[in-house]
Every structure is written in structure tokens, then in C-alpha cells.
Amino acid sequence: PVMSSLNTSVVFGYLNFILWAGNIWFVFK
């Protein structure tokens, strides 16, 4: 089976974490 899209989903999951964690500072202000 080809798992490339599932690997991409994990990458996007961690990118979302970085994006939301970085947004904490701007919402805090």
C-alpha cells in the first residue's frame, strides 16, 4: 500500500501544532 498521504497528514499535524503554539504569543498581546 502507498502511505505517502498518511505520512503527509502527520507532517501537517505537527505543522498545525507549531502554527497554533506560535499564535499563542499574538493572542496573548
PDB file of all heavy atoms in Angstrom:
ATOM      1  N   PRO A   1       0.835  -1.216   0.000  1.00  0.00           N
ATOM      2  CA  PRO A   1       0.000   0.000   0.000  1.00  0.00           C
ATOM      3  C   PRO A   1       0.863   1.257   0.000  1.00  0.00           C
ATOM      4  O   PRO A   1       1.955   1.284   0.569  1.00  0.00           O
ATOM      5  CB  PRO A   1      -0.812  -0.138   1.287  1.00  0.00           C
ATOM      6  CG  PRO A   1       0.013  -1.023   2.167  1.00  0.00           C
ATOM      7  CD  PRO A   1       0.721  -1.982   1.254  1.00  0.00           C
ATOM      8  N   VAL A   2       0.358   2.297  -0.636  1.00  0.00           N
ATOM      9  CA  VAL A   2       1.054   3.587  -0.691  1.00  0.00           C
ATOM     10  C   VAL A   2       0.617   4.416   0.513  1.00  0.00           C
ATOM     11  O   VAL A   2      -0.572   4.705   0.695  1.00  0.00           O
ATOM     12  CB  VAL A   2       0.734   4.327  -2.010  1.00  0.00           C
ATOM     13  CG1 VAL A   2       1.453   5.674  -2.041  1.00  0.00           C
ATOM     14  CG2 VAL A   2       1.135   3.465  -3.204  1.00  0.00           C
ATOM     15  N   MET A   3       1.588   4.822   1.338  1.00  0.00           N
ATOM     16  CA  MET A   3       1.299   5.530   2.581  1.00  0.00           C
ATOM     17  C   MET A   3       1.735   6.999   2.545  1.00  0.00           C
ATOM     18  O   MET A   3       1.832   7.638   3.583  1.00  0.00           O
ATOM     19  CB  MET A   3       2.011   4.824   3.745  1.00  0.00           C
ATOM     20  CG  MET A   3       1.598   3.396   3.967  1.00  0.00           C
ATOM     21  SD  MET A   3      -0.041   3.290   4.707  1.00  0.00           S
ATOM     22  CE  MET A   3      -0.117   1.530   5.088  1.00  0.00           C
ATOM     23  N   SER A   4       2.009   7.525   1.379  1.00  0.00           N
ATOM     24  CA  SER A   4       2.553   8.888   1.295  1.00  0.00           C
ATOM     25  C   SER A   4       1.578   9.934   1.842  1.00  0.00           C
ATOM     26  O   SER A   4       1.983  10.871   2.536  1.00  0.00           O
ATOM     27  CB  SER A   4       2.918   9.221  -0.148  1.00  0.00           C
ATOM     28  OG  SER A   4       1.792   9.076  -1.001  1.00  0.00           O
ATOM     29  N   SER A   5       0.295   9.775   1.547  1.00  0.00           N
ATOM     30  CA  SER A   5      -0.668  10.761   2.043  1.00  0.00           C
ATOM     31  C   SER A   5      -0.809  10.697   3.561  1.00  0.00           C
ATOM     32  O   SER A   5      -1.003  11.734   4.220  1.00  0.00           O
ATOM     33  CB  SER A   5      -2.029  10.543   1.383  1.00  0.00           C
ATOM     34  OG  SER A   5      -2.555   9.272   1.721  1.00  0.00           O
ATOM     35  N   LEU A   6      -0.702   9.493   4.115  1.00  0.00           N
ATOM     36  CA  LEU A   6      -0.766   9.374   5.576  1.00  0.00           C
ATOM     37  C   LEU A   6       0.469   9.985   6.230  1.00  0.00           C
ATOM     38  O   LEU A   6       0.367  10.612   7.291  1.00  0.00           O
ATOM     39  CB  LEU A   6      -0.910   7.905   5.976  1.00  0.00           C
ATOM     40  CG  LEU A   6      -2.194   7.203   5.524  1.00  0.00           C
ATOM     41  CD1 LEU A   6      -2.212   5.766   6.012  1.00  0.00           C
ATOM     42  CD2 LEU A   6      -3.422   7.963   6.022  1.00  0.00           C
ATOM     43  N   ASN A   7       1.619   9.809   5.610  1.00  0.00           N
ATOM     44  CA  ASN A   7       2.820  10.475   6.128  1.00  0.00           C
ATOM     45  C   ASN A   7       2.667  11.991   6.074  1.00  0.00           C
ATOM     46  O   ASN A   7       3.094  12.714   6.987  1.00  0.00           O
ATOM     47  CB  ASN A   7       4.044  10.044   5.321  1.00  0.00           C
ATOM     48  CG  ASN A   7       4.362   8.569   5.485  1.00  0.00           C
ATOM     49  OD1 ASN A   7       4.077   7.961   6.513  1.00  0.00           O
ATOM     50  ND2 ASN A   7       4.944   7.971   4.452  1.00  0.00           N
ATOM     51  N   THR A   8       2.032  12.481   5.011  1.00  0.00           N
ATOM     52  CA  THR A   8       1.800  13.916   4.890  1.00  0.00           C
ATOM     53  C   THR A   8       0.859  14.417   5.976  1.00  0.00           C
ATOM     54  O   THR A   8       1.022  15.536   6.488  1.00  0.00           O
ATOM     55  CB  THR A   8       1.217  14.230   3.510  1.00  0.00           C
ATOM     56  OG1 THR A   8       2.083  13.707   2.498  1.00  0.00           O
ATOM     57  CG2 THR A   8       1.059  15.724   3.310  1.00  0.00           C
ATOM     58  N   SER A   9      -0.121  13.599   6.347  1.00  0.00           N
ATOM     59  CA  SER A   9      -1.058  14.018   7.395  1.00  0.00           C
ATOM     60  C   SER A   9      -0.350  14.213   8.730  1.00  0.00           C
ATOM     61  O   SER A   9      -0.672  15.143   9.480  1.00  0.00           O
ATOM     62  CB  SER A   9      -2.184  12.989   7.531  1.00  0.00           C
ATOM     63  OG  SER A   9      -1.691  11.753   8.040  1.00  0.00           O
ATOM     64  N   VAL A  10       0.611  13.357   9.023  1.00  0.00           N
ATOM     65  CA  VAL A  10       1.374  13.520  10.271  1.00  0.00           C
ATOM     66  C   VAL A  10       2.198  14.805  10.230  1.00  0.00           C
ATOM     67  O   VAL A  10       2.271  15.553  11.216  1.00  0.00           O
ATOM     68  CB  VAL A  10       2.277  12.298  10.506  1.00  0.00           C
ATOM     69  CG1 VAL A  10       3.171  12.510  11.725  1.00  0.00           C
ATOM     70  CG2 VAL A  10       1.438  11.041  10.690  1.00  0.00           C
ATOM     71  N   VAL A  11       2.792  15.079   9.074  1.00  0.00           N
ATOM     72  CA  VAL A  11       3.574  16.309   8.930  1.00  0.00           C
ATOM     73  C   VAL A  11       2.687  17.531   9.132  1.00  0.00           C
ATOM     74  O   VAL A  11       3.047  18.478   9.844  1.00  0.00           O
ATOM     75  CB  VAL A  11       4.260  16.350   7.555  1.00  0.00           C
ATOM     76  CG1 VAL A  11       4.941  17.699   7.336  1.00  0.00           C
ATOM     77  CG2 VAL A  11       5.278  15.224   7.431  1.00  0.00           C
ATOM     78  N   PHE A  12       1.506  17.521   8.533  1.00  0.00           N
ATOM     79  CA  PHE A  12       0.592  18.645   8.706  1.00  0.00           C
ATOM     80  C   PHE A  12       0.102  18.747  10.147  1.00  0.00           C
ATOM     81  O   PHE A  12      -0.188  19.851  10.623  1.00  0.00           O
ATOM     82  CB  PHE A  12      -0.595  18.512   7.754  1.00  0.00           C
ATOM     83  CG  PHE A  12      -0.332  19.071   6.386  1.00  0.00           C
ATOM     84  CD1 PHE A  12      -0.252  18.238   5.282  1.00  0.00           C
ATOM     85  CD2 PHE A  12      -0.151  20.431   6.204  1.00  0.00           C
ATOM     86  CE1 PHE A  12      -0.007  18.747   4.020  1.00  0.00           C
ATOM     87  CE2 PHE A  12       0.101  20.951   4.948  1.00  0.00           C
ATOM     88  CZ  PHE A  12       0.175  20.111   3.863  1.00  0.00           C
ATOM     89  N   GLY A  13      -0.007  17.620  10.830  1.00  0.00           N
ATOM     90  CA  GLY A  13      -0.395  17.674  12.237  1.00  0.00           C
ATOM     91  C   GLY A  13       0.608  18.430  13.080  1.00  0.00           C
ATOM     92  O   GLY A  13       0.244  19.308  13.881  1.00  0.00           O
ATOM     93  N   TYR A  14       1.883  18.145  12.899  1.00  0.00           N
ATOM     94  CA  TYR A  14       2.911  18.851  13.662  1.00  0.00           C
ATOM     95  C   TYR A  14       3.061  20.294  13.184  1.00  0.00           C
ATOM     96  O   TYR A  14       3.399  21.180  13.988  1.00  0.00           O
ATOM     97  CB  TYR A  14       4.237  18.110  13.565  1.00  0.00           C
ATOM     98  CG  TYR A  14       4.299  16.883  14.442  1.00  0.00           C
ATOM     99  CD1 TYR A  14       4.283  15.600  13.895  1.00  0.00           C
ATOM    100  CD2 TYR A  14       4.358  17.001  15.827  1.00  0.00           C
ATOM    101  CE1 TYR A  14       4.327  14.468  14.701  1.00  0.00           C
ATOM    102  CE2 TYR A  14       4.398  15.885  16.639  1.00  0.00           C
ATOM    103  CZ  TYR A  14       4.393  14.622  16.066  1.00  0.00           C
ATOM    104  OH  TYR A  14       4.430  13.504  16.877  1.00  0.00           O
ATOM    105  N   LEU A  15       2.829  20.560  11.909  1.00  0.00           N
ATOM    106  CA  LEU A  15       2.849  21.943  11.439  1.00  0.00           C
ATOM    107  C   LEU A  15       1.722  22.753  12.073  1.00  0.00           C
ATOM    108  O   LEU A  15       1.900  23.935  12.419  1.00  0.00           O
ATOM    109  CB  LEU A  15       2.731  21.980   9.912  1.00  0.00           C
ATOM    110  CG  LEU A  15       3.974  21.574   9.121  1.00  0.00           C
ATOM    111  CD1 LEU A  15       3.673  21.602   7.620  1.00  0.00           C
ATOM    112  CD2 LEU A  15       5.144  22.496   9.429  1.00  0.00           C
ATOM    113  N   ASN A  16       0.571  22.130  12.237  1.00  0.00           N
ATOM    114  CA  ASN A  16      -0.528  22.807  12.923  1.00  0.00           C
ATOM    115  C   ASN A  16      -0.176  23.091  14.372  1.00  0.00           C
ATOM    116  O   ASN A  16      -0.534  24.153  14.906  1.00  0.00           O
ATOM    117  CB  ASN A  16      -1.799  21.958  12.845  1.00  0.00           C
ATOM    118  CG  ASN A  16      -2.575  22.189  11.569  1.00  0.00           C
ATOM    119  OD1 ASN A  16      -3.277  23.180  11.413  1.00  0.00           O
ATOM    120  ND2 ASN A  16      -2.449  21.260  10.635  1.00  0.00           N
ATOM    121  N   PHE A  17       0.500  22.175  15.017  1.00  0.00           N
ATOM    122  CA  PHE A  17       0.931  22.421  16.401  1.00  0.00           C
ATOM    123  C   PHE A  17       1.861  23.629  16.468  1.00  0.00           C
ATOM    124  O   PHE A  17       1.704  24.505  17.332  1.00  0.00           O
ATOM    125  CB  PHE A  17       1.630  21.180  16.953  1.00  0.00           C
ATOM    126  CG  PHE A  17       2.455  21.464  18.177  1.00  0.00           C
ATOM    127  CD1 PHE A  17       1.853  21.813  19.383  1.00  0.00           C
ATOM    128  CD2 PHE A  17       3.832  21.402  18.118  1.00  0.00           C
ATOM    129  CE1 PHE A  17       2.621  22.090  20.502  1.00  0.00           C
ATOM    130  CE2 PHE A  17       4.610  21.677  19.226  1.00  0.00           C
ATOM    131  CZ  PHE A  17       4.003  22.024  20.427  1.00  0.00           C
ATOM    132  N   ILE A  18       2.834  23.700  15.566  1.00  0.00           N
ATOM    133  CA  ILE A  18       3.759  24.831  15.548  1.00  0.00           C
ATOM    134  C   ILE A  18       3.009  26.131  15.260  1.00  0.00           C
ATOM    135  O   ILE A  18       3.268  27.179  15.880  1.00  0.00           O
ATOM    136  CB  ILE A  18       4.865  24.588  14.507  1.00  0.00           C
ATOM    137  CG1 ILE A  18       5.706  23.370  14.901  1.00  0.00           C
ATOM    138  CG2 ILE A  18       5.750  25.819  14.351  1.00  0.00           C
ATOM    139  CD1 ILE A  18       6.727  22.962  13.852  1.00  0.00           C
ATOM    140  N   LEU A  19       2.062  26.071  14.337  1.00  0.00           N
ATOM    141  CA  LEU A  19       1.298  27.255  13.965  1.00  0.00           C
ATOM    142  C   LEU A  19       0.458  27.768  15.130  1.00  0.00           C
ATOM    143  O   LEU A  19       0.455  28.963  15.442  1.00  0.00           O
ATOM    144  CB  LEU A  19       0.413  26.935  12.763  1.00  0.00           C
ATOM    145  CG  LEU A  19      -0.409  28.079  12.188  1.00  0.00           C
ATOM    146  CD1 LEU A  19       0.505  29.141  11.609  1.00  0.00           C
ATOM    147  CD2 LEU A  19      -1.358  27.566  11.120  1.00  0.00           C
ATOM    148  N   TRP A  20      -0.236  26.876  15.801  1.00  0.00           N
ATOM    149  CA  TRP A  20      -1.098  27.286  16.919  1.00  0.00           C
ATOM    150  C   TRP A  20      -0.277  27.692  18.131  1.00  0.00           C
ATOM    151  O   TRP A  20      -0.638  28.643  18.841  1.00  0.00           O
ATOM    152  CB  TRP A  20      -2.064  26.160  17.275  1.00  0.00           C
ATOM    153  CG  TRP A  20      -3.201  26.039  16.317  1.00  0.00           C
ATOM    154  CD1 TRP A  20      -3.186  25.466  15.082  1.00  0.00           C
ATOM    155  CD2 TRP A  20      -4.540  26.506  16.512  1.00  0.00           C
ATOM    156  NE1 TRP A  20      -4.427  25.547  14.501  1.00  0.00           N
ATOM    157  CE2 TRP A  20      -5.276  26.171  15.357  1.00  0.00           C
ATOM    158  CE3 TRP A  20      -5.178  27.160  17.559  1.00  0.00           C
ATOM    159  CZ2 TRP A  20      -6.620  26.481  15.214  1.00  0.00           C
ATOM    160  CZ3 TRP A  20      -6.526  27.471  17.431  1.00  0.00           C
ATOM    161  CH2 TRP A  20      -7.233  27.135  16.267  1.00  0.00           C
ATOM    162  N   ALA A  21       0.821  26.986  18.383  1.00  0.00           N
ATOM    163  CA  ALA A  21       1.672  27.361  19.518  1.00  0.00           C
ATOM    164  C   ALA A  21       2.312  28.731  19.297  1.00  0.00           C
ATOM    165  O   ALA A  21       2.434  29.532  20.230  1.00  0.00           O
ATOM    166  CB  ALA A  21       2.754  26.301  19.740  1.00  0.00           C
ATOM    167  N   GLY A  22       2.718  29.004  18.059  1.00  0.00           N
ATOM    168  CA  GLY A  22       3.271  30.326  17.774  1.00  0.00           C
ATOM    169  C   GLY A  22       2.229  31.424  17.859  1.00  0.00           C
ATOM    170  O   GLY A  22       2.547  32.576  18.175  1.00  0.00           O
ATOM    171  N   ASN A  23       0.988  31.099  17.602  1.00  0.00           N
ATOM    172  CA  ASN A  23      -0.088  32.091  17.668  1.00  0.00           C
ATOM    173  C   ASN A  23      -0.458  32.457  19.100  1.00  0.00           C
ATOM    174  O   ASN A  23      -1.150  33.463  19.323  1.00  0.00           O
ATOM    175  CB  ASN A  23      -1.323  31.556  16.937  1.00  0.00           C
ATOM    176  CG  ASN A  23      -2.321  32.644  16.621  1.00  0.00           C
ATOM    177  OD1 ASN A  23      -1.949  33.723  16.192  1.00  0.00           O
ATOM    178  ND2 ASN A  23      -3.594  32.357  16.836  1.00  0.00           N
ATOM    179  N   ILE A  24      -0.005  31.675  20.071  1.00  0.00           N
ATOM    180  CA  ILE A  24      -0.302  31.981  21.474  1.00  0.00           C
ATOM    181  C   ILE A  24       0.230  33.360  21.841  1.00  0.00           C
ATOM    182  O   ILE A  24      -0.425  34.126  22.557  1.00  0.00           O
ATOM    183  CB  ILE A  24       0.296  30.894  22.393  1.00  0.00           C
ATOM    184  CG1 ILE A  24      -0.438  29.568  22.195  1.00  0.00           C
ATOM    185  CG2 ILE A  24       0.215  31.316  23.858  1.00  0.00           C
ATOM    186  CD1 ILE A  24       0.136  28.425  23.005  1.00  0.00           C
ATOM    187  N   TRP A  25       1.423  33.698  21.363  1.00  0.00           N
ATOM    188  CA  TRP A  25       2.033  34.980  21.704  1.00  0.00           C
ATOM    189  C   TRP A  25       1.204  36.152  21.179  1.00  0.00           C
ATOM    190  O   TRP A  25       0.984  37.138  21.890  1.00  0.00           O
ATOM    191  CB  TRP A  25       3.450  35.039  21.147  1.00  0.00           C
ATOM    192  CG  TRP A  25       4.052  36.416  21.187  1.00  0.00           C
ATOM    193  CD1 TRP A  25       4.347  37.220  20.134  1.00  0.00           C
ATOM    194  CD2 TRP A  25       4.425  37.143  22.361  1.00  0.00           C
ATOM    195  NE1 TRP A  25       4.877  38.398  20.569  1.00  0.00           N
ATOM    196  CE2 TRP A  25       4.936  38.396  21.927  1.00  0.00           C
ATOM    197  CE3 TRP A  25       4.364  36.861  23.722  1.00  0.00           C
ATOM    198  CZ2 TRP A  25       5.399  39.351  22.821  1.00  0.00           C
ATOM    199  CZ3 TRP A  25       4.823  37.824  24.615  1.00  0.00           C
ATOM    200  CH2 TRP A  25       5.333  39.048  24.158  1.00  0.00           C
ATOM    201  N   PHE A  26       0.707  36.034  19.960  1.00  0.00           N
ATOM    202  CA  PHE A  26      -0.054  37.130  19.370  1.00  0.00           C
ATOM    203  C   PHE A  26      -1.419  37.291  20.047  1.00  0.00           C
ATOM    204  O   PHE A  26      -1.897  38.410  20.228  1.00  0.00           O
ATOM    205  CB  PHE A  26      -0.225  36.897  17.873  1.00  0.00           C
ATOM    206  CG  PHE A  26       1.080  36.852  17.124  1.00  0.00           C
ATOM    207  CD1 PHE A  26       1.674  35.639  16.801  1.00  0.00           C
ATOM    208  CD2 PHE A  26       1.726  38.013  16.769  1.00  0.00           C
ATOM    209  CE1 PHE A  26       2.870  35.600  16.119  1.00  0.00           C
ATOM    210  CE2 PHE A  26       2.929  37.982  16.086  1.00  0.00           C
ATOM    211  CZ  PHE A  26       3.502  36.778  15.765  1.00  0.00           C
ATOM    212  N   VAL A  27      -2.034  36.179  20.423  1.00  0.00           N
ATOM    213  CA  VAL A  27      -3.311  36.267  21.136  1.00  0.00           C
ATOM    214  C   VAL A  27      -3.091  36.788  22.551  1.00  0.00           C
ATOM    215  O   VAL A  27      -3.919  37.517  23.096  1.00  0.00           O
ATOM    216  CB  VAL A  27      -4.003  34.886  21.157  1.00  0.00           C
ATOM    217  CG1 VAL A  27      -5.338  34.964  21.877  1.00  0.00           C
ATOM    218  CG2 VAL A  27      -4.201  34.374  19.745  1.00  0.00           C
ATOM    219  N   PHE A  28      -1.956  36.440  23.145  1.00  0.00           N
ATOM    220  CA  PHE A  28      -1.635  36.928  24.491  1.00  0.00           C
ATOM    221  C   PHE A  28      -1.525  38.454  24.508  1.00  0.00           C
ATOM    222  O   PHE A  28      -1.972  39.109  25.456  1.00  0.00           O
ATOM    223  CB  PHE A  28      -0.331  36.289  24.967  1.00  0.00           C
ATOM    224  CG  PHE A  28       0.182  36.852  26.267  1.00  0.00           C
ATOM    225  CD1 PHE A  28      -0.427  36.522  27.461  1.00  0.00           C
ATOM    226  CD2 PHE A  28       1.273  37.703  26.281  1.00  0.00           C
ATOM    227  CE1 PHE A  28       0.044  37.050  28.666  1.00  0.00           C
ATOM    228  CE2 PHE A  28       1.755  38.223  27.468  1.00  0.00           C
ATOM    229  CZ  PHE A  28       1.126  37.892  28.661  1.00  0.00           C
ATOM    230  N   LYS A  29      -0.965  39.045  23.479  1.00  0.00           N
ATOM    231  CA  LYS A  29      -0.845  40.500  23.425  1.00  0.00           C
ATOM    232  C   LYS A  29      -2.206  41.172  23.278  1.00  0.00           C
ATOM    233  O   LYS A  29      -2.388  42.308  23.710  1.00  0.00           O
ATOM    234  CB  LYS A  29       0.064  40.905  22.262  1.00  0.00           C
ATOM    235  CG  LYS A  29       1.522  40.526  22.462  1.00  0.00           C
ATOM    236  CD  LYS A  29       2.430  41.245  21.477  1.00  0.00           C
ATOM    237  CE  LYS A  29       2.131  40.871  20.053  1.00  0.00           C
ATOM    238  NZ  LYS A  29       3.083  41.503  19.107  1.00  0.00           N
TER     239      LYS A  29
END
